[in-house]
C-alpha atoms as a PDB file:
ATOM      1  CA  UNK A   1       3.634  -5.180   0.360  1.00  0.00           C
ATOM      2  CA  UNK A   2       2.971  -1.678   1.499  1.00  0.00           C
ATOM      3  CA  UNK A   3       3.216   0.063  -1.886  1.00  0.00           C
ATOM      4  CA  UNK A   4       1.063  -0.788  -4.866  1.00  0.00           C
ATOM      5  CA  UNK A   5       3.881  -0.024  -7.312  1.00  0.00           C
ATOM      6  CA  UNK A   6       6.147  -2.631  -5.678  1.00  0.00           C
ATOM      7  CA  UNK A   7       3.331  -5.171  -5.627  1.00  0.00           C
ATOM      8  CA  UNK A   8       2.574  -4.636  -9.338  1.00  0.00           C
ATOM      9  CA  UNK A   9       6.279  -4.906 -10.166  1.00  0.00           C
ATOM     10  CA  UNK A  10       6.464  -8.270  -8.363  1.00  0.00           C
ATOM     11  CA  UNK A  11       3.334  -9.492 -10.201  1.00  0.00           C
ATOM     12  CA  UNK A  12       4.866  -8.475 -13.537  1.00  0.00           C
ATOM     13  CA  UNK A  13       8.168 -10.201 -12.801  1.00  0.00           C
ATOM     14  CA  UNK A  14       6.324 -13.400 -11.881  1.00  0.00           C
ATOM     15  CA  UNK A  15       4.134 -13.220 -14.981  1.00  0.00           C
ATOM     16  CA  UNK A  16       7.211 -12.727 -17.170  1.00  0.00           C
ATOM     17  CA  UNK A  17       9.245 -15.502 -15.519  1.00  0.00           C
ATOM     18  CA  UNK A  18      10.318 -18.068 -18.099  1.00  0.00           C
ATOM     19  CA  UNK A  19      12.223 -20.380 -15.748  1.00  0.00           C
ATOM     20  CA  UNK A  20      11.947 -21.746 -12.226  1.00  0.00           C
ATOM     21  CA  UNK A  21      15.181 -19.902 -11.455  1.00  0.00           C
ATOM     22  CA  UNK A  22      13.515 -16.571 -12.280  1.00  0.00           C
ATOM     23  CA  UNK A  23      10.549 -17.447 -10.029  1.00  0.00           C
ATOM     24  CA  UNK A  24      12.974 -18.431  -7.266  1.00  0.00           C
ATOM     25  CA  UNK A  25      14.798 -15.091  -7.659  1.00  0.00           C
ATOM     26  CA  UNK A  26      11.554 -13.173  -7.147  1.00  0.00           C
ATOM     27  CA  UNK A  27      10.705 -15.359  -4.134  1.00  0.00           C
ATOM     28  CA  UNK A  28      14.161 -14.793  -2.624  1.00  0.00           C
ATOM     29  CA  UNK A  29      13.875 -11.043  -3.111  1.00  0.00           C
ATOM     30  CA  UNK A  30      10.436 -10.935  -1.493  1.00  0.00           C
ATOM     31  CA  UNK A  31      11.667 -13.054   1.406  1.00  0.00           C
ATOM     32  CA  UNK A  32      14.686 -10.779   1.852  1.00  0.00           C
ATOM     33  CA  UNK A  33      12.632  -7.563   1.747  1.00  0.00           C
ATOM     34  CA  UNK A  34       9.529  -8.602   3.682  1.00  0.00           C
ATOM     35  CA  UNK A  35      10.397 -11.698   5.718  1.00  0.00           C
ATOM     36  CA  UNK A  36       8.412 -14.946   5.748  1.00  0.00           C
ATOM     37  CA  UNK A  37       5.993 -15.153   2.849  1.00  0.00           C
ATOM     38  CA  UNK A  38       2.271 -15.461   3.653  1.00  0.00           C
ATOM     39  CA  UNK A  39       0.190 -18.289   2.150  1.00  0.00           C
ATOM     40  CA  UNK A  40      -1.316 -16.131  -0.642  1.00  0.00           C
ATOM     41  CA  UNK A  41       2.192 -15.217  -1.849  1.00  0.00           C
ATOM     42  CA  UNK A  42       3.275 -18.886  -1.713  1.00  0.00           C
ATOM     43  CA  UNK A  43       0.181 -19.720  -3.804  1.00  0.00           C
ATOM     44  CA  UNK A  44       1.109 -17.017  -6.325  1.00  0.00           C
ATOM     45  CA  UNK A  45       4.628 -18.477  -6.582  1.00  0.00           C
ATOM     46  CA  UNK A  46       3.144 -21.951  -7.154  1.00  0.00           C
ATOM     47  CA  UNK A  47       1.019 -20.561 -10.003  1.00  0.00           C
ATOM     48  CA  UNK A  48       4.093 -18.902 -11.524  1.00  0.00           C
ATOM     49  CA  UNK A  49       5.994 -22.220 -11.365  1.00  0.00           C
ATOM     50  CA  UNK A  50       3.016 -23.961 -12.978  1.00  0.00           C
ATOM     51  CA  UNK A  51       3.036 -21.424 -15.818  1.00  0.00           C
ATOM     52  CA  UNK A  52       6.734 -22.129 -16.412  1.00  0.00           C
ATOM     53  CA  UNK A  53       6.033 -25.877 -16.529  1.00  0.00           C
ATOM     54  CA  UNK A  54       3.023 -25.474 -18.833  1.00  0.00           C
ATOM     55  CA  UNK A  55       4.955 -23.239 -21.218  1.00  0.00           C
ATOM     56  CA  UNK A  56       7.864 -25.695 -21.298  1.00  0.00           C
ATOM     57  CA  UNK A  57       5.382 -28.368 -22.422  1.00  0.00           C
ATOM     58  CA  UNK A  58       4.125 -26.056 -25.182  1.00  0.00           C
ATOM     59  CA  UNK A  59       0.792 -25.320 -23.515  1.00  0.00           C
ATOM     60  CA  UNK A  60      -0.899 -21.960 -23.943  1.00  0.00           C
ATOM     61  CA  UNK A  61      -4.065 -22.786 -21.949  1.00  0.00           C
ATOM     62  CA  UNK A  62      -5.000 -24.920 -18.989  1.00  0.00           C
ATOM     63  CA  UNK A  63      -8.611 -24.148 -18.124  1.00  0.00           C
ATOM     64  CA  UNK A  64     -11.255 -25.717 -15.899  1.00  0.00           C
ATOM     65  CA  UNK A  65     -14.393 -26.256 -18.007  1.00  0.00           C
ATOM     66  CA  UNK A  66     -17.199 -27.765 -15.994  1.00  0.00           C
ATOM     67  CA  UNK A  67     -16.204 -31.264 -14.928  1.00  0.00           C
ATOM     68  CA  UNK A  68     -13.075 -31.273 -17.126  1.00  0.00           C
ATOM     69  CA  UNK A  69      -9.721 -29.576 -17.348  1.00  0.00           C
ATOM     70  CA  UNK A  70      -8.818 -28.480 -20.881  1.00  0.00           C
ATOM     71  CA  UNK A  71      -5.191 -28.483 -22.033  1.00  0.00           C
ATOM     72  CA  UNK A  72      -4.330 -26.706 -25.319  1.00  0.00           C
ATOM     73  CA  UNK A  73      -2.470 -27.030 -27.641  1.00  0.00           C
ATOM     74  CA  UNK A  74      -1.573 -30.692 -27.331  1.00  0.00           C
ATOM     75  CA  UNK A  75      -0.167 -32.930 -30.015  1.00  0.00           C
ATOM     76  CA  UNK A  76       0.432 -36.505 -28.922  1.00  0.00           C
ATOM     77  CA  UNK A  77       1.638 -39.515 -30.828  1.00  0.00           C
ATOM     78  CA  UNK A  78      -0.631 -42.545 -30.602  1.00  0.00           C
ATOM     79  CA  UNK A  79       1.553 -43.984 -27.834  1.00  0.00           C
ATOM     80  CA  UNK A  80       1.188 -40.737 -25.872  1.00  0.00           C
ATOM     81  CA  UNK A  81      -2.581 -40.816 -26.301  1.00  0.00           C
ATOM     82  CA  UNK A  82      -2.677 -44.388 -25.021  1.00  0.00           C
ATOM     83  CA  UNK A  83      -0.572 -43.434 -21.982  1.00  0.00           C
ATOM     84  CA  UNK A  84      -2.801 -40.428 -21.309  1.00  0.00           C
ATOM     85  CA  UNK A  85      -6.050 -42.399 -21.441  1.00  0.00           C
ATOM     86  CA  UNK A  86      -4.543 -45.183 -19.314  1.00  0.00           C
ATOM     87  CA  UNK A  87      -3.338 -42.794 -16.605  1.00  0.00           C
ATOM     88  CA  UNK A  88      -6.373 -40.503 -16.797  1.00  0.00           C
ATOM     89  CA  UNK A  89      -9.449 -42.591 -17.680  1.00  0.00           C
ATOM     90  CA  UNK A  90     -12.271 -40.706 -19.341  1.00  0.00           C
ATOM     91  CA  UNK A  91      -9.927 -38.291 -21.113  1.00  0.00           C
ATOM     92  CA  UNK A  92     -11.178 -37.023 -24.453  1.00  0.00           C
ATOM     93  CA  UNK A  93      -8.490 -36.366 -27.073  1.00  0.00           C
ATOM     94  CA  UNK A  94      -9.463 -33.890 -29.814  1.00  0.00           C
ATOM     95  CA  UNK A  95      -6.593 -33.953 -32.324  1.00  0.00           C
ATOM     96  CA  UNK A  96      -8.403 -31.711 -34.839  1.00  0.00           C
ATOM     97  CA  UNK A  97      -8.346 -28.813 -32.363  1.00  0.00           C
ATOM     98  CA  UNK A  98      -5.179 -29.978 -30.543  1.00  0.00           C
ATOM     99  CA  UNK A  99      -6.987 -30.198 -27.218  1.00  0.00           C
ATOM    100  CA  UNK A 100      -7.422 -32.762 -24.481  1.00  0.00           C
ATOM    101  CA  UNK A 101     -10.253 -32.733 -21.972  1.00  0.00           C
ATOM    102  CA  UNK A 102      -9.325 -34.559 -18.767  1.00  0.00           C
ATOM    103  CA  UNK A 103     -11.937 -35.288 -16.099  1.00  0.00           C
ATOM    104  CA  UNK A 104     -11.360 -32.955 -13.173  1.00  0.00           C
ATOM    105  CA  UNK A 105     -10.181 -34.970 -10.169  1.00  0.00           C
ATOM    106  CA  UNK A 106     -12.334 -35.264  -7.061  1.00  0.00           C
ATOM    107  CA  UNK A 107     -11.551 -35.884  -3.401  1.00  0.00           C
ATOM    108  CA  UNK A 108     -13.379 -39.240  -3.365  1.00  0.00           C
ATOM    109  CA  UNK A 109     -14.794 -41.544  -6.072  1.00  0.00           C
ATOM    110  CA  UNK A 110     -18.325 -41.309  -4.654  1.00  0.00           C
ATOM    111  CA  UNK A 111     -19.617 -38.020  -3.300  1.00  0.00           C
ATOM    112  CA  UNK A 112     -16.223 -36.320  -3.554  1.00  0.00           C
ATOM    113  CA  UNK A 113     -15.750 -32.642  -4.237  1.00  0.00           C
ATOM    114  CA  UNK A 114     -13.678 -31.364  -7.172  1.00  0.00           C
ATOM    115  CA  UNK A 115     -10.088 -30.514  -6.318  1.00  0.00           C
ATOM    116  CA  UNK A 116      -9.389 -26.804  -6.006  1.00  0.00           C
ATOM    117  CA  UNK A 117      -6.482 -24.490  -5.400  1.00  0.00           C
ATOM    118  CA  UNK A 118      -3.080 -25.978  -4.628  1.00  0.00           C
ATOM    119  CA  UNK A 119      -4.356 -29.551  -4.926  1.00  0.00           C
ATOM    120  CA  UNK A 120      -5.678 -28.962  -8.454  1.00  0.00           C
ATOM    121  CA  UNK A 121      -2.468 -27.178  -9.415  1.00  0.00           C
ATOM    122  CA  UNK A 122      -0.382 -30.124  -8.158  1.00  0.00           C
ATOM    123  CA  UNK A 123      -2.586 -32.595 -10.068  1.00  0.00           C
ATOM    124  CA  UNK A 124      -2.276 -30.595 -13.310  1.00  0.00           C
ATOM    125  CA  UNK A 125       1.496 -30.341 -12.823  1.00  0.00           C
ATOM    126  CA  UNK A 126       1.716 -34.111 -12.349  1.00  0.00           C
ATOM    127  CA  UNK A 127      -0.280 -34.666 -15.557  1.00  0.00           C
ATOM    128  CA  UNK A 128       1.991 -32.368 -17.552  1.00  0.00           C
ATOM    129  CA  UNK A 129       5.140 -34.051 -16.234  1.00  0.00           C
ATOM    130  CA  UNK A 130       3.748 -37.571 -16.763  1.00  0.00           C
ATOM    131  CA  UNK A 131       2.308 -37.112 -20.240  1.00  0.00           C
ATOM    132  CA  UNK A 132       2.983 -33.789 -21.933  1.00  0.00           C
ATOM    133  CA  UNK A 133       6.395 -32.474 -20.925  1.00  0.00           C
ATOM    134  CA  UNK A 134       9.341 -33.392 -23.111  1.00  0.00           C
ATOM    135  CA  UNK A 135      11.755 -35.783 -21.447  1.00  0.00           C
ATOM    136  CA  UNK A 136      14.568 -33.904 -19.748  1.00  0.00           C
ATOM    137  CA  UNK A 137      18.034 -35.437 -19.836  1.00  0.00           C
ATOM    138  CA  UNK A 138      19.454 -36.666 -16.549  1.00  0.00           C
ATOM    139  CA  UNK A 139      22.820 -35.425 -15.287  1.00  0.00           C
ATOM    140  CA  UNK A 140      24.516 -38.634 -16.452  1.00  0.00           C
ATOM    141  CA  UNK A 141      23.066 -38.155 -19.970  1.00  0.00           C
ATOM    142  CA  UNK A 142      24.395 -34.605 -20.229  1.00  0.00           C
ATOM    143  CA  UNK A 143      27.932 -35.371 -19.023  1.00  0.00           C
ATOM    144  CA  UNK A 144      30.492 -35.736 -21.769  1.00  0.00           C
ATOM    145  CA  UNK A 145      32.489 -38.961 -21.884  1.00  0.00           C
ATOM    146  CA  UNK A 146      35.990 -38.744 -20.384  1.00  0.00           C
END
C-alpha cells in the first residue's frame, strides 16, 4: 500500500474484525484496490482469521512460551480435559488459573524444529476447533421442521 494512512486503516479493520465475513470483506477490498495479495498480506489475513476463531472459543491469549503454547482462559469439563490430553499428549491443564500449556509441535519427533509461522497458526487453529471451540450447529440442525 502506497500510503501509510491506508495501511493503518486496513490494519485497524483487521484487528477489529469479529467475524470471518469481516476479514473476507477487508481481503476483497484490498484485492480490488491493489490486485493479487502478496504473501505477507495473506499471512496477516490468516492471523486475523485466527483471532476471530480464538475469540469465538473465549480465548484472550494464545502465546508461545518456550517449548509450550499457552491458551488462556480455558475452562474444560473433565471429558474435555481427557480429550485434550489424549489428542495432545504432554498437555498441562491448570484449572486454578484457567490455562492449558500444550507442547509446541515440531517438524519431526527426533531432531525436529518447532513449527513456526503459518504451520503453527494452522496447528493452533486445529487445536481450538478440536477441543476448545463450542460445537456449531450444522445446516440440518438449524433448519426448522416443515
